[in-house]
Amino acid sequence: MRNFIEKMRTAGLVVDIQQEVSPDMEAAKMAAGTDRLLFFHNLAGNRAVMNMTANRPSLALALGMEESGMVQALANAQYNGRLIEDGALSMQKPDLNKLPVMHHFPKDAGKYLTSAIVF
């Protein structure tokens, strides 16, 4: 992810936000006004990124392919992975209260994570 953010930064597609931002609708409001990647250095005391792939050029860069051939390549993509039942990972119960989960819009029933927000 760091490499992708650096590629986006080199392309001039990153907005660094240094000031403290609230996860209670403030960050979502900032993201709604741009298709650039937003790098929050202080989202309720945490670093977070939003809008990682908010447009086709960003998605193409993330996937390492040309935008013009992206739709066809994704349509033809096949999964070549395998399921591993056991491994050396230490599984712990996550504490989601440690994440600055956002409240996006006033009429939302509550806070939620989207695929575009990474802590």
C-alpha atoms as a PDB file:
ATOM      1  CA  MET A   1       0.000   0.000   0.000  1.00  0.00           C
ATOM      2  CA  ARG A   2       2.880   2.371   0.749  1.00  0.00           C
ATOM      3  CA  ASN A   3       4.179   1.905  -2.792  1.00  0.00           C
ATOM      4  CA  PHE A   4       0.761   2.675  -4.237  1.00  0.00           C
ATOM      5  CA  ILE A   5       0.405   5.806  -2.115  1.00  0.00           C
ATOM      6  CA  GLU A   6       3.864   6.940  -3.261  1.00  0.00           C
ATOM      7  CA  LYS A   7       2.901   6.358  -6.915  1.00  0.00           C
ATOM      8  CA  MET A   8      -0.249   8.395  -6.345  1.00  0.00           C
ATOM      9  CA  ARG A   9       1.793  11.092  -4.603  1.00  0.00           C
ATOM     10  CA  THR A  10       4.261  11.213  -7.523  1.00  0.00           C
ATOM     11  CA  ALA A  11       1.325  11.587  -9.916  1.00  0.00           C
ATOM     12  CA  GLY A  12       0.054  14.527  -7.835  1.00  0.00           C
ATOM     13  CA  LEU A  13      -3.065  12.638  -6.763  1.00  0.00           C
ATOM     14  CA  VAL A  14      -2.636  12.786  -2.970  1.00  0.00           C
ATOM     15  CA  VAL A  15      -3.928  15.458  -0.623  1.00  0.00           C
ATOM     16  CA  ASP A  16      -2.145  15.342   2.743  1.00  0.00           C
ATOM     17  CA  ILE A  17      -4.335  16.552   5.588  1.00  0.00           C
ATOM     18  CA  GLN A  18      -2.266  17.369   8.648  1.00  0.00           C
ATOM     19  CA  GLN A  19      -4.890  18.951  10.912  1.00  0.00           C
ATOM     20  CA  GLU A  20      -7.051  16.829  13.192  1.00  0.00           C
ATOM     21  CA  VAL A  21     -10.215  15.626  11.448  1.00  0.00           C
ATOM     22  CA  SER A  22     -13.280  14.118  13.080  1.00  0.00           C
ATOM     23  CA  PRO A  23     -14.571  10.745  11.853  1.00  0.00           C
ATOM     24  CA  ASP A  24     -18.080  12.071  12.559  1.00  0.00           C
ATOM     25  CA  MET A  25     -19.060  13.284   9.060  1.00  0.00           C
ATOM     26  CA  GLU A  26     -16.121  15.719   8.664  1.00  0.00           C
ATOM     27  CA  ALA A  27     -13.823  13.260   6.841  1.00  0.00           C
ATOM     28  CA  ALA A  28     -16.646  12.017   4.596  1.00  0.00           C
ATOM     29  CA  LYS A  29     -17.522  15.600   3.685  1.00  0.00           C
ATOM     30  CA  MET A  30     -13.907  16.238   2.680  1.00  0.00           C
ATOM     31  CA  ALA A  31     -13.823  13.067   0.567  1.00  0.00           C
ATOM     32  CA  ALA A  32     -17.070  13.917  -1.213  1.00  0.00           C
ATOM     33  CA  GLY A  33     -15.495  17.027  -2.693  1.00  0.00           C
ATOM     34  CA  THR A  34     -12.596  15.321  -4.496  1.00  0.00           C
ATOM     35  CA  ASP A  35     -11.520  12.207  -6.349  1.00  0.00           C
ATOM     36  CA  ARG A  36      -7.955  12.498  -5.062  1.00  0.00           C
ATOM     37  CA  LEU A  37      -6.582  10.161  -2.417  1.00  0.00           C
ATOM     38  CA  LEU A  38      -6.920  11.791   1.001  1.00  0.00           C
ATOM     39  CA  PHE A  39      -4.171  10.960   3.498  1.00  0.00           C
ATOM     40  CA  PHE A  40      -5.318  11.902   6.981  1.00  0.00           C
ATOM     41  CA  HIS A  41      -2.395  12.209   9.372  1.00  0.00           C
ATOM     42  CA  ASN A  42      -4.717  12.754  12.348  1.00  0.00           C
ATOM     43  CA  LEU A  43      -8.151  11.183  11.993  1.00  0.00           C
ATOM     44  CA  ALA A  44      -9.130  11.078  15.657  1.00  0.00           C
ATOM     45  CA  GLY A  45      -5.484  10.352  16.498  1.00  0.00           C
ATOM     46  CA  ASN A  46      -4.967   7.775  13.724  1.00  0.00           C
ATOM     47  CA  ARG A  47      -3.613   7.831  10.197  1.00  0.00           C
ATOM     48  CA  ALA A  48      -6.066   6.811   7.479  1.00  0.00           C
ATOM     49  CA  VAL A  49      -6.549   7.067   3.725  1.00  0.00           C
ATOM     50  CA  MET A  50      -9.746   7.558   1.749  1.00  0.00           C
ATOM     51  CA  ASN A  51     -10.549   7.642  -1.975  1.00  0.00           C
ATOM     52  CA  MET A  52      -7.773   5.200  -2.820  1.00  0.00           C
ATOM     53  CA  THR A  53      -9.481   4.202  -6.049  1.00  0.00           C
ATOM     54  CA  ALA A  54     -12.066   6.939  -6.464  1.00  0.00           C
ATOM     55  CA  ASN A  55     -11.627   7.096 -10.238  1.00  0.00           C
ATOM     56  CA  ARG A  56     -10.507   4.890 -13.117  1.00  0.00           C
ATOM     57  CA  PRO A  57      -6.966   6.294 -13.396  1.00  0.00           C
ATOM     58  CA  SER A  58      -6.380   5.575  -9.693  1.00  0.00           C
ATOM     59  CA  LEU A  59      -7.798   2.062 -10.007  1.00  0.00           C
ATOM     60  CA  ALA A  60      -5.631   1.367 -13.064  1.00  0.00           C
ATOM     61  CA  LEU A  61      -2.554   2.578 -11.178  1.00  0.00           C
ATOM     62  CA  ALA A  62      -3.449   0.365  -8.202  1.00  0.00           C
ATOM     63  CA  LEU A  63      -3.835  -2.661 -10.483  1.00  0.00           C
ATOM     64  CA  GLY A  64      -0.677  -1.873 -12.457  1.00  0.00           C
ATOM     65  CA  MET A  65      -2.400  -1.742 -15.835  1.00  0.00           C
ATOM     66  CA  GLU A  66      -3.377   0.736 -18.511  1.00  0.00           C
ATOM     67  CA  GLU A  67      -6.759   2.333 -18.019  1.00  0.00           C
ATOM     68  CA  SER A  68      -7.773   1.585 -21.620  1.00  0.00           C
ATOM     69  CA  GLY A  69      -7.477  -2.186 -21.132  1.00  0.00           C
ATOM     70  CA  MET A  70      -8.622  -2.377 -17.533  1.00  0.00           C
ATOM     71  CA  VAL A  71     -12.276  -3.372 -18.036  1.00  0.00           C
ATOM     72  CA  GLN A  72     -11.415  -6.201 -20.421  1.00  0.00           C
ATOM     73  CA  ALA A  73      -8.580  -7.445 -18.205  1.00  0.00           C
ATOM     74  CA  LEU A  74     -10.837  -7.504 -15.142  1.00  0.00           C
ATOM     75  CA  ALA A  75     -13.630  -9.227 -17.081  1.00  0.00           C
ATOM     76  CA  ASN A  76     -11.175 -11.963 -18.103  1.00  0.00           C
ATOM     77  CA  ALA A  77      -9.534 -12.328 -14.681  1.00  0.00           C
ATOM     78  CA  GLN A  78      -9.588 -15.730 -13.029  1.00  0.00           C
ATOM     79  CA  TYR A  79      -8.826 -16.741  -9.460  1.00  0.00           C
ATOM     80  CA  ASN A  80      -5.783 -18.993  -9.219  1.00  0.00           C
ATOM     81  CA  GLY A  81      -5.495 -19.099  -5.427  1.00  0.00           C
ATOM     82  CA  ARG A  82      -6.050 -21.919  -3.015  1.00  0.00           C
ATOM     83  CA  LEU A  83      -7.746 -22.170   0.354  1.00  0.00           C
ATOM     84  CA  ILE A  84      -5.473 -23.004   3.279  1.00  0.00           C
ATOM     85  CA  GLU A  85      -7.269 -24.341   6.330  1.00  0.00           C
ATOM     86  CA  ASP A  86      -4.390 -24.124   8.816  1.00  0.00           C
ATOM     87  CA  GLY A  87      -1.527 -21.707   9.141  1.00  0.00           C
ATOM     88  CA  ALA A  88       0.868 -19.972  11.464  1.00  0.00           C
ATOM     89  CA  LEU A  89      -1.304 -16.909  11.998  1.00  0.00           C
ATOM     90  CA  SER A  90      -2.139 -15.951  15.551  1.00  0.00           C
ATOM     91  CA  MET A  91      -5.856 -15.250  15.613  1.00  0.00           C
ATOM     92  CA  GLN A  92      -7.034 -12.710  18.143  1.00  0.00           C
ATOM     93  CA  LYS A  93     -10.446 -11.233  18.673  1.00  0.00           C
ATOM     94  CA  PRO A  94     -10.360  -7.756  17.109  1.00  0.00           C
ATOM     95  CA  ASP A  95     -11.371  -4.672  19.063  1.00  0.00           C
ATOM     96  CA  LEU A  96     -13.163  -2.548  16.474  1.00  0.00           C
ATOM     97  CA  ASN A  97     -13.582   0.223  19.039  1.00  0.00           C
ATOM     98  CA  LYS A  98      -9.901   1.044  18.481  1.00  0.00           C
ATOM     99  CA  LEU A  99     -10.656   2.157  14.909  1.00  0.00           C
ATOM    100  CA  PRO A 100     -12.007   5.630  14.165  1.00  0.00           C
ATOM    101  CA  VAL A 101     -15.041   4.217  12.355  1.00  0.00           C
ATOM    102  CA  MET A 102     -16.791   7.027  10.536  1.00  0.00           C
ATOM    103  CA  HIS A 103     -20.295   8.345  10.527  1.00  0.00           C
ATOM    104  CA  HIS A 104     -20.594   9.393   6.873  1.00  0.00           C
ATOM    105  CA  PHE A 105     -23.912  11.201   6.454  1.00  0.00           C
ATOM    106  CA  PRO A 106     -26.496  12.736   8.826  1.00  0.00           C
ATOM    107  CA  LYS A 107     -29.245  10.208   7.995  1.00  0.00           C
ATOM    108  CA  ASP A 108     -27.027   7.121   8.337  1.00  0.00           C
ATOM    109  CA  ALA A 109     -28.215   4.759  11.054  1.00  0.00           C
ATOM    110  CA  GLY A 110     -24.722   4.689  12.521  1.00  0.00           C
ATOM    111  CA  LYS A 111     -21.025   4.365  11.858  1.00  0.00           C
ATOM    112  CA  TYR A 112     -19.695   1.928   9.251  1.00  0.00           C
ATOM    113  CA  LEU A 113     -16.606   0.979   7.265  1.00  0.00           C
ATOM    114  CA  THR A 114     -16.440   1.093   3.495  1.00  0.00           C
ATOM    115  CA  SER A 115     -13.990  -0.660   1.201  1.00  0.00           C
ATOM    116  CA  ALA A 116     -12.281   2.636   0.468  1.00  0.00           C
ATOM    117  CA  ILE A 117     -11.174   3.457   4.012  1.00  0.00           C
ATOM    118  CA  VAL A 118      -7.929   1.990   5.295  1.00  0.00           C
ATOM    119  CA  PHE A 119      -6.362   2.546   8.719  1.00  0.00           C
END
